[in-house]
Amino acid sequence: MIDFEEELKKFHPLPEVDEVEDSIRNHDVSDMMDVLMALMEGRGE
C-alpha cells in the first residue's frame, strides 16, 4: 500500500519549473485576442 503522506515528504519541485513560471509572468505575452485586436486596428475598423 502506498503511504501518500510519506511520498509527499519526499517530493521536491524542480527548480526549472519556478524559472519558467517567473519567465512567463515577467514577459508581456500576447494572447489571441491581442493579435486579433491588432489586426482589426491595422485594417482601420
C-alpha atoms as a PDB file:
ATOM      1  CA  MET A   1       0.000   0.000   0.000  1.00  0.00           C
ATOM      2  CA  ILE A   2       1.270   3.488  -0.854  1.00  0.00           C
ATOM      3  CA  ASP A   3       1.692   5.871   2.056  1.00  0.00           C
ATOM      4  CA  PHE A   4       0.842   9.202   0.430  1.00  0.00           C
ATOM      5  CA  GLU A   5       1.979  11.250   3.408  1.00  0.00           C
ATOM      6  CA  GLU A   6       5.411   9.625   3.234  1.00  0.00           C
ATOM      7  CA  GLU A   7       5.613  10.147  -0.533  1.00  0.00           C
ATOM      8  CA  LEU A   8       4.715  13.825  -0.157  1.00  0.00           C
ATOM      9  CA  LYS A   9       7.588  14.272   2.278  1.00  0.00           C
ATOM     10  CA  LYS A  10       9.968  13.039  -0.454  1.00  0.00           C
ATOM     11  CA  PHE A  11       8.624  15.456  -3.056  1.00  0.00           C
ATOM     12  CA  HIS A  12      10.915  18.288  -4.195  1.00  0.00           C
ATOM     13  CA  PRO A  13       9.768  20.579  -7.015  1.00  0.00           C
ATOM     14  CA  LEU A  14      12.122  21.089  -9.934  1.00  0.00           C
ATOM     15  CA  PRO A  15      13.868  24.481  -9.875  1.00  0.00           C
ATOM     16  CA  GLU A  16      13.399  24.774 -13.641  1.00  0.00           C
ATOM     17  CA  VAL A  17       9.641  24.933 -13.178  1.00  0.00           C
ATOM     18  CA  ASP A  18       9.979  28.007 -10.942  1.00  0.00           C
ATOM     19  CA  GLU A  19      12.253  29.646 -13.521  1.00  0.00           C
ATOM     20  CA  VAL A  20       9.755  29.029 -16.307  1.00  0.00           C
ATOM     21  CA  GLU A  21       6.869  30.370 -14.228  1.00  0.00           C
ATOM     22  CA  ASP A  22       8.822  33.543 -13.414  1.00  0.00           C
ATOM     23  CA  SER A  23       9.783  33.985 -17.052  1.00  0.00           C
ATOM     24  CA  ILE A  24       6.166  33.688 -18.198  1.00  0.00           C
ATOM     25  CA  ARG A  25       4.910  36.131 -15.571  1.00  0.00           C
ATOM     26  CA  ASN A  26       7.603  38.722 -16.306  1.00  0.00           C
ATOM     27  CA  HIS A  27       7.085  38.900 -20.080  1.00  0.00           C
ATOM     28  CA  ASP A  28       4.264  40.566 -21.927  1.00  0.00           C
ATOM     29  CA  VAL A  29       2.784  37.666 -23.856  1.00  0.00           C
ATOM     30  CA  SER A  30       0.113  38.426 -26.421  1.00  0.00           C
ATOM     31  CA  ASP A  31      -2.882  36.151 -26.494  1.00  0.00           C
ATOM     32  CA  MET A  32      -5.131  35.556 -29.489  1.00  0.00           C
ATOM     33  CA  MET A  33      -7.433  38.441 -28.541  1.00  0.00           C
ATOM     34  CA  ASP A  34      -4.488  40.874 -28.558  1.00  0.00           C
ATOM     35  CA  VAL A  35      -3.453  39.612 -32.002  1.00  0.00           C
ATOM     36  CA  LEU A  36      -6.985  39.927 -33.382  1.00  0.00           C
ATOM     37  CA  MET A  37      -7.373  43.450 -31.996  1.00  0.00           C
ATOM     38  CA  ALA A  38      -4.072  44.499 -33.603  1.00  0.00           C
ATOM     39  CA  LEU A  39      -5.210  43.058 -36.941  1.00  0.00           C
ATOM     40  CA  MET A  40      -8.544  44.891 -36.722  1.00  0.00           C
ATOM     41  CA  GLU A  41      -6.793  48.187 -35.897  1.00  0.00           C
ATOM     42  CA  GLY A  42      -4.495  47.709 -38.869  1.00  0.00           C
ATOM     43  CA  ARG A  43      -7.479  47.376 -41.191  1.00  0.00           C
ATOM     44  CA  GLY A  44      -8.992  50.643 -39.942  1.00  0.00           C
ATOM     45  CA  GLU A  45     -12.043  49.044 -38.361  1.00  0.00           C
END
